[in-house]
Amino acid sequence: MGEKNITIVDYGMGNVWSVFSALKFLGAKPKLVSDAEKISKSGILVLPGVGSFKKGMEALKSRGLDEALIDAVKTKGSRILGICLGMQLMGSVGTEGGETLGLGFFPNRIERFTPQELGENKAPHVGFNPVRFNERNGLFNELSLESDFYFTHSYRMLPEKIVGRYGTCFYGINFLAAFELDNICGTQFHPEKSQTNGLILLRNFLMA
């Protein structure tokens, strides 16, 4: 694969070191970056995160990282992978902590699992669950059409309006678990905690 310089966006939300370690294991050269100018100039970005949507967007904005990410991804075509909260922040609107505008890379809303959706299931959704992909190419190359990944979340995005490659998971309702559209990728699950399948997906992201 050769070494690739990867910018991990460090905005104070979540354990970035597990992502850092997984990327380094795959032979990449990851760097934790919190400087807006450096992020806007990065060609490959990873946006991780754990926590609430509102606090995540506030953290990005307080550092000017929201505009830097939009410039890098939308204007310059940098490749990005959002993980868990990072994927949610790339949506249009999140409702956790109050309705908050996201980065707007795609039009979907992020809302909490409803009691009707959950049925007998509990929130948060934690553990390994199968993800069903619509194809085995790009980000999902060499993965089975149904592969297990590790989740921990209470908010979800529905797969409506999503085009390109994507994967869904069923937890009382089918929700969007992963997607790839041009230079924008996201996973609701944690690939860095998903053992072999997660490493395959991260490797695919790096090789694109």
C-alpha atoms as a PDB file:
ATOM      1  CA  MET A   1       0.000   0.000   0.000  1.00  0.00           C
ATOM      2  CA  GLY A   2       2.866   2.351   0.776  1.00  0.00           C
ATOM      3  CA  GLU A   3       2.830   4.872   3.578  1.00  0.00           C
ATOM      4  CA  LYS A   4       0.077   7.484   3.386  1.00  0.00           C
ATOM      5  CA  ASN A   5      -0.167  10.646   5.436  1.00  0.00           C
ATOM      6  CA  ILE A   6      -3.515  10.599   7.245  1.00  0.00           C
ATOM      7  CA  THR A   7      -4.926  13.515   9.216  1.00  0.00           C
ATOM      8  CA  ILE A   8      -7.002  12.481  12.230  1.00  0.00           C
ATOM      9  CA  VAL A   9      -9.143  15.453  13.237  1.00  0.00           C
ATOM     10  CA  ASP A  10      -8.533  16.003  16.937  1.00  0.00           C
ATOM     11  CA  TYR A  11     -11.352  18.144  18.364  1.00  0.00           C
ATOM     12  CA  GLY A  12     -11.528  16.688  21.858  1.00  0.00           C
ATOM     13  CA  MET A  13     -14.349  14.181  21.276  1.00  0.00           C
ATOM     14  CA  GLY A  14     -13.597  10.494  21.703  1.00  0.00           C
ATOM     15  CA  ASN A  15     -10.647   8.137  21.828  1.00  0.00           C
ATOM     16  CA  VAL A  16      -8.530   9.076  18.826  1.00  0.00           C
ATOM     17  CA  TRP A  17      -5.693   6.780  19.865  1.00  0.00           C
ATOM     18  CA  SER A  18      -7.481   3.555  18.950  1.00  0.00           C
ATOM     19  CA  VAL A  19      -8.025   4.961  15.441  1.00  0.00           C
ATOM     20  CA  PHE A  20      -4.417   6.149  15.348  1.00  0.00           C
ATOM     21  CA  SER A  21      -3.137   2.695  16.346  1.00  0.00           C
ATOM     22  CA  ALA A  22      -5.258   0.861  13.766  1.00  0.00           C
ATOM     23  CA  LEU A  23      -4.097   3.136  10.932  1.00  0.00           C
ATOM     24  CA  LYS A  24      -0.471   2.832  12.018  1.00  0.00           C
ATOM     25  CA  PHE A  25      -0.811  -0.965  12.145  1.00  0.00           C
ATOM     26  CA  LEU A  26      -1.915  -0.838   8.490  1.00  0.00           C
ATOM     27  CA  GLY A  27       1.245   1.027   7.515  1.00  0.00           C
ATOM     28  CA  ALA A  28      -0.169   4.540   7.292  1.00  0.00           C
ATOM     29  CA  LYS A  29       1.377   7.648   8.858  1.00  0.00           C
ATOM     30  CA  PRO A  30      -1.451   9.139  10.920  1.00  0.00           C
ATOM     31  CA  LYS A  31      -1.184  12.521  12.608  1.00  0.00           C
ATOM     32  CA  LEU A  32      -3.491  14.063  15.195  1.00  0.00           C
ATOM     33  CA  VAL A  33      -4.300  17.559  13.972  1.00  0.00           C
ATOM     34  CA  SER A  34      -6.361  20.317  15.590  1.00  0.00           C
ATOM     35  CA  ASP A  35      -5.168  23.201  13.408  1.00  0.00           C
ATOM     36  CA  ALA A  36      -7.783  24.441  10.932  1.00  0.00           C
ATOM     37  CA  GLU A  37      -5.294  25.501   8.253  1.00  0.00           C
ATOM     38  CA  LYS A  38      -3.548  22.132   8.274  1.00  0.00           C
ATOM     39  CA  ILE A  39      -6.886  20.309   8.084  1.00  0.00           C
ATOM     40  CA  SER A  40      -8.044  22.377   5.109  1.00  0.00           C
ATOM     41  CA  LYS A  41      -4.872  21.335   3.273  1.00  0.00           C
ATOM     42  CA  SER A  42      -5.082  17.616   4.136  1.00  0.00           C
ATOM     43  CA  GLY A  43      -5.760  15.150   1.343  1.00  0.00           C
ATOM     44  CA  ILE A  44      -6.982  12.263   3.526  1.00  0.00           C
ATOM     45  CA  LEU A  45      -8.993  12.893   6.685  1.00  0.00           C
ATOM     46  CA  VAL A  46     -10.495  10.773   9.447  1.00  0.00           C
ATOM     47  CA  LEU A  47     -13.166  12.354  11.650  1.00  0.00           C
ATOM     48  CA  PRO A  48     -13.718  10.124  14.713  1.00  0.00           C
ATOM     49  CA  GLY A  49     -15.877  10.932  17.716  1.00  0.00           C
ATOM     50  CA  VAL A  50     -17.848   9.785  20.719  1.00  0.00           C
ATOM     51  CA  GLY A  51     -20.431  11.955  22.467  1.00  0.00           C
ATOM     52  CA  SER A  52     -23.325  14.239  21.608  1.00  0.00           C
ATOM     53  CA  PHE A  53     -23.967  15.819  18.230  1.00  0.00           C
ATOM     54  CA  LYS A  54     -24.434  19.313  19.656  1.00  0.00           C
ATOM     55  CA  LYS A  55     -21.197  19.221  21.656  1.00  0.00           C
ATOM     56  CA  GLY A  56     -19.364  17.761  18.666  1.00  0.00           C
ATOM     57  CA  MET A  57     -20.413  20.608  16.370  1.00  0.00           C
ATOM     58  CA  GLU A  58     -19.652  23.169  19.086  1.00  0.00           C
ATOM     59  CA  ALA A  59     -16.161  21.698  19.461  1.00  0.00           C
ATOM     60  CA  LEU A  60     -15.531  21.843  15.701  1.00  0.00           C
ATOM     61  CA  LYS A  61     -16.825  25.411  15.395  1.00  0.00           C
ATOM     62  CA  SER A  62     -14.885  26.713  18.394  1.00  0.00           C
ATOM     63  CA  ARG A  63     -11.675  25.747  16.592  1.00  0.00           C
ATOM     64  CA  GLY A  64     -12.798  26.745  13.087  1.00  0.00           C
ATOM     65  CA  LEU A  65     -12.607  23.111  12.056  1.00  0.00           C
ATOM     66  CA  ASP A  66     -16.102  22.994  10.561  1.00  0.00           C
ATOM     67  CA  GLU A  67     -15.159  25.462   7.825  1.00  0.00           C
ATOM     68  CA  ALA A  68     -11.786  23.776   7.350  1.00  0.00           C
ATOM     69  CA  LEU A  69     -13.466  20.397   6.808  1.00  0.00           C
ATOM     70  CA  ILE A  70     -16.020  21.832   4.386  1.00  0.00           C
ATOM     71  CA  ASP A  71     -13.225  23.533   2.427  1.00  0.00           C
ATOM     72  CA  ALA A  72     -11.120  20.370   2.297  1.00  0.00           C
ATOM     73  CA  VAL A  73     -13.915  17.946   1.403  1.00  0.00           C
ATOM     74  CA  LYS A  74     -16.365  19.973  -0.660  1.00  0.00           C
ATOM     75  CA  THR A  75     -14.025  22.441  -2.373  1.00  0.00           C
ATOM     76  CA  LYS A  76     -10.752  20.545  -2.675  1.00  0.00           C
ATOM     77  CA  GLY A  77     -12.112  16.995  -2.883  1.00  0.00           C
ATOM     78  CA  SER A  78     -10.166  15.571   0.054  1.00  0.00           C
ATOM     79  CA  ARG A  79     -11.160  12.047   1.041  1.00  0.00           C
ATOM     80  CA  ILE A  80     -12.788  11.699   4.473  1.00  0.00           C
ATOM     81  CA  LEU A  81     -13.952   8.878   6.719  1.00  0.00           C
ATOM     82  CA  GLY A  82     -16.332   9.788   9.544  1.00  0.00           C
ATOM     83  CA  ILE A  83     -16.548   7.258  12.381  1.00  0.00           C
ATOM     84  CA  CYS A  84     -19.509   6.989  14.794  1.00  0.00           C
ATOM     85  CA  LEU A  85     -20.211  10.578  15.907  1.00  0.00           C
ATOM     86  CA  GLY A  86     -17.897  11.684  13.093  1.00  0.00           C
ATOM     87  CA  MET A  87     -20.217  10.109  10.522  1.00  0.00           C
ATOM     88  CA  GLN A  88     -23.248  11.716  12.170  1.00  0.00           C
ATOM     89  CA  LEU A  89     -21.633  15.170  12.121  1.00  0.00           C
ATOM     90  CA  MET A  90     -21.391  14.933   8.333  1.00  0.00           C
ATOM     91  CA  GLY A  91     -25.195  14.820   8.102  1.00  0.00           C
ATOM     92  CA  SER A  92     -27.571  17.756   7.806  1.00  0.00           C
ATOM     93  CA  VAL A  93     -29.127  18.008  11.270  1.00  0.00           C
ATOM     94  CA  GLY A  94     -28.686  16.234  14.603  1.00  0.00           C
ATOM     95  CA  THR A  95     -31.215  16.260  17.438  1.00  0.00           C
ATOM     96  CA  GLU A  96     -29.024  15.160  20.346  1.00  0.00           C
ATOM     97  CA  GLY A  97     -28.818  18.024  22.829  1.00  0.00           C
ATOM     98  CA  GLY A  98     -31.192  20.121  20.716  1.00  0.00           C
ATOM     99  CA  GLU A  99     -31.572  20.474  16.959  1.00  0.00           C
ATOM    100  CA  THR A 100     -28.181  21.416  15.523  1.00  0.00           C
ATOM    101  CA  LEU A 101     -26.945  21.882  11.973  1.00  0.00           C
ATOM    102  CA  GLY A 102     -24.219  19.468  10.883  1.00  0.00           C
ATOM    103  CA  LEU A 103     -21.513  19.770   8.235  1.00  0.00           C
ATOM    104  CA  GLY A 104     -24.089  19.066   5.528  1.00  0.00           C
ATOM    105  CA  PHE A 105     -22.084  16.629   3.407  1.00  0.00           C
ATOM    106  CA  PHE A 106     -25.328  14.712   2.823  1.00  0.00           C
ATOM    107  CA  PRO A 107     -28.995  15.464   3.578  1.00  0.00           C
ATOM    108  CA  ASN A 108     -29.849  12.916   6.260  1.00  0.00           C
ATOM    109  CA  ARG A 109     -30.977  13.718   9.808  1.00  0.00           C
ATOM    110  CA  ILE A 110     -29.661  12.007  12.932  1.00  0.00           C
ATOM    111  CA  GLU A 111     -32.301  11.147  15.514  1.00  0.00           C
ATOM    112  CA  ARG A 112     -32.545   8.919  18.587  1.00  0.00           C
ATOM    113  CA  PHE A 113     -33.921   5.409  18.232  1.00  0.00           C
ATOM    114  CA  THR A 114     -37.609   5.671  19.130  1.00  0.00           C
ATOM    115  CA  PRO A 115     -39.297   3.229  21.557  1.00  0.00           C
ATOM    116  CA  GLN A 116     -41.411   2.009  18.629  1.00  0.00           C
ATOM    117  CA  GLU A 117     -38.280   1.239  16.616  1.00  0.00           C
ATOM    118  CA  LEU A 118     -36.470  -0.438  19.487  1.00  0.00           C
ATOM    119  CA  GLY A 119     -39.282  -2.745  20.566  1.00  0.00           C
ATOM    120  CA  GLU A 120     -37.649  -5.051  23.102  1.00  0.00           C
ATOM    121  CA  ASN A 121     -34.158  -3.792  22.258  1.00  0.00           C
ATOM    122  CA  LYS A 122     -32.389  -1.312  24.506  1.00  0.00           C
ATOM    123  CA  ALA A 123     -30.549   1.931  23.851  1.00  0.00           C
ATOM    124  CA  PRO A 124     -27.682   2.389  23.529  1.00  0.00           C
ATOM    125  CA  HIS A 125     -27.104  -0.213  20.844  1.00  0.00           C
ATOM    126  CA  VAL A 126     -23.849  -1.874  21.935  1.00  0.00           C
ATOM    127  CA  GLY A 127     -21.969  -4.839  20.542  1.00  0.00           C
ATOM    128  CA  PHE A 128     -21.222  -6.695  17.336  1.00  0.00           C
ATOM    129  CA  ASN A 129     -24.019  -6.839  14.771  1.00  0.00           C
ATOM    130  CA  PRO A 130     -24.173  -7.829  11.086  1.00  0.00           C
ATOM    131  CA  VAL A 131     -24.001  -5.093   8.458  1.00  0.00           C
ATOM    132  CA  ARG A 132     -25.508  -5.829   5.037  1.00  0.00           C
ATOM    133  CA  PHE A 133     -23.787  -4.126   2.106  1.00  0.00           C
ATOM    134  CA  ASN A 134     -25.387  -3.367  -1.245  1.00  0.00           C
ATOM    135  CA  GLU A 135     -22.145  -4.260  -3.040  1.00  0.00           C
ATOM    136  CA  ARG A 136     -18.642  -5.544  -2.360  1.00  0.00           C
ATOM    137  CA  ASN A 137     -16.546  -2.811  -3.946  1.00  0.00           C
ATOM    138  CA  GLY A 138     -14.634   0.261  -2.843  1.00  0.00           C
ATOM    139  CA  LEU A 139     -14.861   0.727   0.907  1.00  0.00           C
ATOM    140  CA  PHE A 140     -16.488  -2.715   1.211  1.00  0.00           C
ATOM    141  CA  ASN A 141     -14.120  -4.642  -1.030  1.00  0.00           C
ATOM    142  CA  GLU A 142     -13.243  -8.164   0.218  1.00  0.00           C
ATOM    143  CA  LEU A 143     -15.914  -8.019   2.923  1.00  0.00           C
ATOM    144  CA  SER A 144     -18.797 -10.485   2.901  1.00  0.00           C
ATOM    145  CA  LEU A 145     -22.142  -9.001   1.885  1.00  0.00           C
ATOM    146  CA  GLU A 146     -23.053  -9.521   5.552  1.00  0.00           C
ATOM    147  CA  SER A 147     -20.201  -8.773   7.967  1.00  0.00           C
ATOM    148  CA  ASP A 148     -20.078  -8.123  11.712  1.00  0.00           C
ATOM    149  CA  PHE A 149     -18.927  -4.789  13.149  1.00  0.00           C
ATOM    150  CA  TYR A 150     -18.875  -3.209  16.609  1.00  0.00           C
ATOM    151  CA  PHE A 151     -21.449  -0.527  17.491  1.00  0.00           C
ATOM    152  CA  THR A 152     -22.104   1.726  20.450  1.00  0.00           C
ATOM    153  CA  HIS A 153     -24.715   4.460  19.873  1.00  0.00           C
ATOM    154  CA  SER A 154     -28.220   5.669  20.751  1.00  0.00           C
ATOM    155  CA  TYR A 155     -28.768   7.897  17.710  1.00  0.00           C
ATOM    156  CA  ARG A 156     -29.142   6.665  14.158  1.00  0.00           C
ATOM    157  CA  MET A 157     -29.452   7.833  10.592  1.00  0.00           C
ATOM    158  CA  LEU A 158     -31.980   6.227   8.274  1.00  0.00           C
ATOM    159  CA  PRO A 159     -30.767   5.064   4.840  1.00  0.00           C
ATOM    160  CA  GLU A 160     -33.205   7.306   2.959  1.00  0.00           C
ATOM    161  CA  LYS A 161     -31.718   9.575   0.264  1.00  0.00           C
ATOM    162  CA  ILE A 162     -28.417   7.678   0.384  1.00  0.00           C
ATOM    163  CA  VAL A 163     -26.897   6.803  -2.985  1.00  0.00           C
ATOM    164  CA  GLY A 164     -23.674   5.040  -3.857  1.00  0.00           C
ATOM    165  CA  ARG A 165     -22.307   2.169  -1.796  1.00  0.00           C
ATOM    166  CA  TYR A 166     -23.854   1.662   1.611  1.00  0.00           C
ATOM    167  CA  GLY A 167     -24.514  -0.828   4.388  1.00  0.00           C
ATOM    168  CA  THR A 168     -27.437  -1.171   6.779  1.00  0.00           C
ATOM    169  CA  CYS A 169     -27.836  -2.785  10.180  1.00  0.00           C
ATOM    170  CA  PHE A 170     -31.084  -3.964  11.751  1.00  0.00           C
ATOM    171  CA  TYR A 171     -31.729  -2.985  15.366  1.00  0.00           C
ATOM    172  CA  GLY A 172     -35.492  -2.819  15.550  1.00  0.00           C
ATOM    173  CA  ILE A 173     -35.273  -0.829  12.317  1.00  0.00           C
ATOM    174  CA  ASN A 174     -32.845  -0.748   9.406  1.00  0.00           C
ATOM    175  CA  PHE A 175     -30.470   2.168   9.953  1.00  0.00           C
ATOM    176  CA  LEU A 176     -27.521   3.425   7.937  1.00  0.00           C
ATOM    177  CA  ALA A 177     -24.378   1.679   9.156  1.00  0.00           C
ATOM    178  CA  ALA A 178     -21.872   2.735   6.473  1.00  0.00           C
ATOM    179  CA  PHE A 179     -21.675   4.515   3.138  1.00  0.00           C
ATOM    180  CA  GLU A 180     -19.302   5.687   0.429  1.00  0.00           C
ATOM    181  CA  LEU A 181     -20.132   8.375  -2.121  1.00  0.00           C
ATOM    182  CA  ASP A 182     -17.191   9.698  -4.125  1.00  0.00           C
ATOM    183  CA  ASN A 183     -14.717  11.132  -1.583  1.00  0.00           C
ATOM    184  CA  ILE A 184     -17.069  10.969   1.425  1.00  0.00           C
ATOM    185  CA  CYS A 185     -17.227   7.829   3.588  1.00  0.00           C
ATOM    186  CA  GLY A 186     -18.789   7.106   6.936  1.00  0.00           C
ATOM    187  CA  THR A 187     -19.330   4.283   9.404  1.00  0.00           C
ATOM    188  CA  GLN A 188     -21.725   4.311  12.351  1.00  0.00           C
ATOM    189  CA  PHE A 189     -19.759   1.367  13.744  1.00  0.00           C
ATOM    190  CA  HIS A 190     -16.176   1.513  15.001  1.00  0.00           C
ATOM    191  CA  PRO A 191     -13.888  -0.173  12.452  1.00  0.00           C
ATOM    192  CA  GLU A 192     -10.927   0.289  14.784  1.00  0.00           C
ATOM    193  CA  LYS A 193     -12.732  -1.962  17.321  1.00  0.00           C
ATOM    194  CA  SER A 194     -14.141  -4.445  14.791  1.00  0.00           C
ATOM    195  CA  GLN A 195     -11.190  -6.820  14.495  1.00  0.00           C
ATOM    196  CA  THR A 196     -10.407  -8.222  11.034  1.00  0.00           C
ATOM    197  CA  ASN A 197     -13.445  -6.771   9.265  1.00  0.00           C
ATOM    198  CA  GLY A 198     -12.647  -3.318  10.577  1.00  0.00           C
ATOM    199  CA  LEU A 199      -9.041  -3.508   9.425  1.00  0.00           C
ATOM    200  CA  ILE A 200     -10.177  -4.590   5.957  1.00  0.00           C
ATOM    201  CA  LEU A 201     -12.489  -1.587   5.718  1.00  0.00           C
ATOM    202  CA  LEU A 202      -9.806   0.841   6.925  1.00  0.00           C
ATOM    203  CA  ARG A 203      -7.324  -0.636   4.458  1.00  0.00           C
ATOM    204  CA  ASN A 204      -9.857  -0.150   1.655  1.00  0.00           C
ATOM    205  CA  PHE A 205     -10.251   3.492   2.676  1.00  0.00           C
ATOM    206  CA  LEU A 206      -6.490   4.003   2.593  1.00  0.00           C
ATOM    207  CA  MET A 207      -6.074   2.287  -0.779  1.00  0.00           C
ATOM    208  CA  ALA A 208      -8.673   4.385  -2.647  1.00  0.00           C
END
